[in-house]
C-alpha atoms as a PDB file:
ATOM      1  CA  MET A   1      -0.013  -0.035   0.047  1.00  0.00           C
ATOM      2  CA  LEU A   2       2.871   2.373   0.767  1.00  0.00           C
ATOM      3  CA  PRO A   3       4.359   2.188  -2.792  1.00  0.00           C
ATOM      4  CA  VAL A   4       1.003   3.164  -4.217  1.00  0.00           C
ATOM      5  CA  TRP A   5       0.882   6.240  -1.951  1.00  0.00           C
ATOM      6  CA  LEU A   6       4.461   7.213  -2.900  1.00  0.00           C
ATOM      7  CA  VAL A   7       3.560   6.953  -6.609  1.00  0.00           C
ATOM      8  CA  VAL A   8       0.444   9.154  -6.003  1.00  0.00           C
ATOM      9  CA  PHE A   9       2.407  11.658  -3.912  1.00  0.00           C
ATOM     10  CA  PHE A  10       5.261  12.086  -6.388  1.00  0.00           C
ATOM     11  CA  GLY A  11       2.835  12.048  -9.318  1.00  0.00           C
ATOM     12  CA  ALA A  12       0.936  14.954  -7.621  1.00  0.00           C
ATOM     13  CA  ILE A  13       4.130  16.881  -7.142  1.00  0.00           C
ATOM     14  CA  PHE A  14       5.114  16.365 -10.728  1.00  0.00           C
ATOM     15  CA  MET A  15       1.721  17.472 -12.011  1.00  0.00           C
ATOM     16  CA  ALA A  16       1.863  20.634  -9.745  1.00  0.00           C
ATOM     17  CA  TYR A  17       5.374  21.482 -11.047  1.00  0.00           C
ATOM     18  CA  THR A  18       4.264  20.956 -14.630  1.00  0.00           C
ATOM     19  CA  ALA A  19       1.168  23.156 -14.206  1.00  0.00           C
ATOM     20  CA  VAL A  20       3.248  25.975 -12.838  1.00  0.00           C
ATOM     21  CA  ASP A  21       6.408  25.759 -14.936  1.00  0.00           C
ATOM     22  CA  THR A  22       4.954  25.183 -18.378  1.00  0.00           C
ATOM     23  CA  PRO A  23       3.200  28.629 -18.678  1.00  0.00           C
ATOM     24  CA  LYS A  24       6.399  30.338 -17.542  1.00  0.00           C
ATOM     25  CA  LYS A  25       8.437  28.682 -20.185  1.00  0.00           C
ATOM     26  CA  ALA A  26       5.883  29.562 -22.807  1.00  0.00           C
ATOM     27  CA  ASP A  27       5.945  33.180 -21.768  1.00  0.00           C
ATOM     28  CA  ALA A  28       9.752  33.180 -21.821  1.00  0.00           C
ATOM     29  CA  ILE A  29       9.808  31.749 -25.344  1.00  0.00           C
ATOM     30  CA  THR A  30       7.324  34.440 -26.452  1.00  0.00           C
ATOM     31  CA  GLN A  31       9.341  37.224 -25.014  1.00  0.00           C
ATOM     32  CA  ILE A  32      12.588  35.858 -26.541  1.00  0.00           C
ATOM     33  CA  THR A  33      10.972  35.504 -29.989  1.00  0.00           C
ATOM     34  CA  ALA A  34       9.561  39.043 -29.747  1.00  0.00           C
ATOM     35  CA  ASP A  35      12.984  40.443 -28.678  1.00  0.00           C
ATOM     36  CA  VAL A  36      14.735  38.760 -31.653  1.00  0.00           C
ATOM     37  CA  SER A  37      11.996  40.094 -33.960  1.00  0.00           C
ATOM     38  CA  ALA A  38      12.293  43.645 -32.570  1.00  0.00           C
ATOM     39  CA  THR A  39      16.123  43.548 -32.876  1.00  0.00           C
ATOM     40  CA  ASN A  40      15.781  42.424 -36.476  1.00  0.00           C
ATOM     41  CA  PHE A  41      13.248  45.173 -37.232  1.00  0.00           C
ATOM     42  CA  LEU A  42      15.482  47.809 -35.842  1.00  0.00           C
ATOM     43  CA  ALA A  43      18.554  46.462 -37.755  1.00  0.00           C
ATOM     44  CA  TYR A  44      16.494  46.496 -41.002  1.00  0.00           C
ATOM     45  CA  ARG A  45      15.545  50.064 -40.345  1.00  0.00           C
ATOM     46  CA  ARG A  46      19.079  51.000 -39.715  1.00  0.00           C
ATOM     47  CA  ALA A  47      20.117  49.550 -43.056  1.00  0.00           C
ATOM     48  CA  VAL A  48      17.375  51.433 -44.872  1.00  0.00           C
ATOM     49  CA  GLN A  49      18.412  54.661 -43.137  1.00  0.00           C
ATOM     50  CA  GLY A  50      22.022  54.082 -44.157  1.00  0.00           C
ATOM     51  CA  TYR A  51      20.975  53.615 -47.717  1.00  0.00           C
ATOM     52  CA  LEU A  52      18.973  56.879 -47.692  1.00  0.00           C
ATOM     53  CA  VAL A  53      21.844  58.826 -46.289  1.00  0.00           C
ATOM     54  CA  ALA A  54      23.936  57.682 -49.296  1.00  0.00           C
ATOM     55  CA  ASN A  55      20.998  58.012 -51.719  1.00  0.00           C
ATOM     56  CA  PRO A  56      18.892  60.988 -50.440  1.00  0.00           C
ATOM     57  CA  GLY A  57      16.609  61.322 -53.609  1.00  0.00           C
ATOM     58  CA  THR A  58      15.229  57.742 -53.202  1.00  0.00           C
ATOM     59  CA  THR A  59      11.418  57.249 -53.379  1.00  0.00           C
ATOM     60  CA  GLY A  60       9.347  53.998 -53.301  1.00  0.00           C
ATOM     61  CA  THR A  61      10.572  50.751 -51.824  1.00  0.00           C
ATOM     62  CA  VAL A  62      14.344  50.206 -51.359  1.00  0.00           C
ATOM     63  CA  ALA A  63      15.102  46.736 -52.641  1.00  0.00           C
ATOM     64  CA  ASP A  64      17.003  44.263 -50.473  1.00  0.00           C
ATOM     65  CA  VAL A  65      19.752  43.986 -53.053  1.00  0.00           C
ATOM     66  CA  SER A  66      20.484  47.687 -52.590  1.00  0.00           C
ATOM     67  CA  LEU A  67      20.672  47.245 -48.811  1.00  0.00           C
ATOM     68  CA  ASP A  68      23.348  44.456 -48.923  1.00  0.00           C
ATOM     69  CA  GLN A  69      26.164  46.798 -47.980  1.00  0.00           C
ATOM     70  CA  TYR A  70      24.262  48.366 -45.141  1.00  0.00           C
ATOM     71  CA  TRP A  71      23.370  45.141 -43.261  1.00  0.00           C
ATOM     72  CA  LEU A  72      25.008  44.713 -39.820  1.00  0.00           C
ATOM     73  CA  THR A  73      27.561  41.899 -39.692  1.00  0.00           C
ATOM     74  CA  GLY A  74      25.714  38.591 -39.175  1.00  0.00           C
ATOM     75  CA  TYR A  75      22.323  40.035 -39.988  1.00  0.00           C
ATOM     76  CA  VAL A  76      19.773  37.514 -41.157  1.00  0.00           C
ATOM     77  CA  ARG A  77      16.907  39.146 -43.197  1.00  0.00           C
ATOM     78  CA  ASP A  78      13.408  38.676 -41.736  1.00  0.00           C
ATOM     79  CA  THR A  79      10.914  38.767 -44.629  1.00  0.00           C
ATOM     80  CA  HIS A  80       8.338  40.336 -42.318  1.00  0.00           C
ATOM     81  CA  TRP A  81       9.904  43.758 -42.786  1.00  0.00           C
ATOM     82  CA  THR A  82       9.650  46.071 -45.756  1.00  0.00           C
ATOM     83  CA  ASN A  83       9.890  49.821 -46.362  1.00  0.00           C
ATOM     84  CA  LEU A  84       8.452  52.725 -48.254  1.00  0.00           C
ATOM     85  CA  VAL A  85       9.924  56.187 -48.902  1.00  0.00           C
ATOM     86  CA  ASP A  86       7.133  58.513 -49.636  1.00  0.00           C
ATOM     87  CA  GLY A  87       7.135  62.396 -49.590  1.00  0.00           C
ATOM     88  CA  GLY A  88      10.560  62.385 -47.913  1.00  0.00           C
ATOM     89  CA  ALA A  89       9.383  60.246 -44.997  1.00  0.00           C
ATOM     90  CA  LEU A  90      10.595  56.682 -44.315  1.00  0.00           C
ATOM     91  CA  TYR A  91       8.056  53.999 -43.359  1.00  0.00           C
ATOM     92  CA  VAL A  92       9.449  50.705 -42.170  1.00  0.00           C
ATOM     93  CA  TYR A  93       6.580  48.271 -41.451  1.00  0.00           C
ATOM     94  CA  SER A  94       5.639  44.651 -41.288  1.00  0.00           C
ATOM     95  CA  SER A  95       4.136  43.004 -44.317  1.00  0.00           C
ATOM     96  CA  ALA A  96       2.801  40.107 -42.303  1.00  0.00           C
ATOM     97  CA  SER A  97       1.982  39.391 -38.627  1.00  0.00           C
ATOM     98  CA  PRO A  98       5.241  39.324 -36.694  1.00  0.00           C
ATOM     99  CA  ALA A  99       5.789  37.425 -33.428  1.00  0.00           C
ATOM    100  CA  ALA A 100       3.475  38.250 -30.508  1.00  0.00           C
ATOM    101  CA  ASN A 101       4.626  41.148 -28.426  1.00  0.00           C
ATOM    102  CA  THR A 102       6.974  42.439 -31.102  1.00  0.00           C
ATOM    103  CA  LEU A 103       5.625  45.939 -30.817  1.00  0.00           C
ATOM    104  CA  ASP A 104       6.187  45.904 -27.101  1.00  0.00           C
ATOM    105  CA  ALA A 105       9.718  44.810 -27.628  1.00  0.00           C
ATOM    106  CA  ILE A 106      10.451  47.454 -30.299  1.00  0.00           C
ATOM    107  CA  ARG A 107       9.014  50.114 -27.987  1.00  0.00           C
ATOM    108  CA  ALA A 108      11.332  48.884 -25.201  1.00  0.00           C
ATOM    109  CA  LYS A 109      14.368  49.182 -27.512  1.00  0.00           C
ATOM    110  CA  SER A 110      13.474  52.663 -28.837  1.00  0.00           C
ATOM    111  CA  PRO A 111      11.512  54.392 -26.032  1.00  0.00           C
ATOM    112  CA  GLU A 112      11.996  57.858 -27.466  1.00  0.00           C
ATOM    113  CA  ASN A 113      10.503  57.098 -30.822  1.00  0.00           C
ATOM    114  CA  LEU A 114       7.043  58.764 -30.855  1.00  0.00           C
ATOM    115  CA  LEU A 115       6.340  57.617 -34.413  1.00  0.00           C
ATOM    116  CA  LEU A 116       5.980  53.904 -33.669  1.00  0.00           C
ATOM    117  CA  GLY A 117       2.540  52.171 -33.767  1.00  0.00           C
ATOM    118  CA  THR A 118       0.165  50.497 -36.066  1.00  0.00           C
ATOM    119  CA  LYS A 119      -1.923  51.552 -39.004  1.00  0.00           C
ATOM    120  CA  ASP A 120      -5.515  52.072 -38.003  1.00  0.00           C
ATOM    121  CA  ALA A 121      -7.849  50.063 -40.283  1.00  0.00           C
ATOM    122  CA  THR A 122     -10.727  52.668 -40.140  1.00  0.00           C
ATOM    123  CA  THR A 123      -8.880  55.873 -40.478  1.00  0.00           C
ATOM    124  CA  GLY A 124      -5.652  54.820 -42.262  1.00  0.00           C
ATOM    125  CA  ARG A 125      -3.606  56.920 -39.810  1.00  0.00           C
ATOM    126  CA  LEU A 126      -0.757  55.964 -37.425  1.00  0.00           C
ATOM    127  CA  LYS A 127      -2.042  54.822 -34.101  1.00  0.00           C
ATOM    128  CA  SER A 128       0.692  55.358 -31.598  1.00  0.00           C
ATOM    129  CA  TYR A 129       2.012  52.653 -29.331  1.00  0.00           C
ATOM    130  CA  ASN A 130      -0.228  53.996 -26.560  1.00  0.00           C
ATOM    131  CA  GLY A 131      -3.229  53.723 -28.766  1.00  0.00           C
ATOM    132  CA  PHE A 132      -3.633  57.476 -29.593  1.00  0.00           C
ATOM    133  CA  ASP A 133      -4.412  58.651 -33.088  1.00  0.00           C
ATOM    134  CA  THR A 134      -1.481  60.700 -34.260  1.00  0.00           C
ATOM    135  CA  GLY A 135      -3.360  62.302 -37.122  1.00  0.00           C
ATOM    136  CA  ILE A 136      -0.594  61.175 -39.582  1.00  0.00           C
ATOM    137  CA  VAL A 137      -2.159  59.552 -42.657  1.00  0.00           C
ATOM    138  CA  LEU A 138      -0.086  56.672 -43.780  1.00  0.00           C
ATOM    139  CA  PRO A 139       0.371  55.780 -47.465  1.00  0.00           C
ATOM    140  CA  ALA A 140      -2.289  53.372 -48.924  1.00  0.00           C
ATOM    141  CA  GLY A 141       0.382  50.871 -49.736  1.00  0.00           C
ATOM    142  CA  ILE A 142       0.904  49.980 -46.106  1.00  0.00           C
ATOM    143  CA  PRO A 143      -1.500  47.249 -44.969  1.00  0.00           C
ATOM    144  CA  ASN A 144      -3.898  47.844 -42.069  1.00  0.00           C
ATOM    145  CA  ASN A 145      -3.109  46.811 -38.535  1.00  0.00           C
ATOM    146  CA  VAL A 146       0.636  46.319 -39.097  1.00  0.00           C
ATOM    147  CA  ILE A 147       3.538  47.624 -37.103  1.00  0.00           C
ATOM    148  CA  VAL A 148       4.864  50.878 -38.562  1.00  0.00           C
ATOM    149  CA  MET A 149       7.819  52.992 -37.604  1.00  0.00           C
ATOM    150  CA  MET A 150       8.280  56.455 -39.308  1.00  0.00           C
ATOM    151  CA  GLY A 151      11.345  58.531 -39.555  1.00  0.00           C
ATOM    152  CA  ARG A 152      14.269  59.345 -41.874  1.00  0.00           C
END
C-alpha cells in the first residue's frame, strides 16, 4: 500500500510542477521571440536609413539587393519587414504578422521614438504605441493593423 501512496504523492508533485512551470516557459519563449524580432526590425530600419543617407533622392521601396552593404555583420533578413519612402518620409513596416509582443519589444528598444505604432484600419492613420491617433495619414500601400515606424 505504501508504494501506491508514494507513486500518487510524487505524481501529484510532478503535476503541480508541470502546471506552474509550463506557462512560465511559454511566456519566456514568447518574449525571446519578440525580442529577436524587434532587434531584427531595428537592424533592418538602420540599413534602410544608411541607404537613404547615401542616396537621399530615393522614393518608393528600397530593394534588399540595394541594402546588402548596409546590413550589420551577421544580419539575417526577416521577410516580415519592408519599407516605403514617400514624400521624404521613411516608413518601415511589417508585411505580415510578426511574433507576438514584437511591438512591445520594439518600444522597449526605442522608447524615445514617438512615431511607432500600427496603421488604424478605419482611419488609415498611425495609431501610436499608446493607442492614440497621431493624425498622420499613412500611405495606402501600407497594410492595415501592421507595425509601422516612421522617420528618416
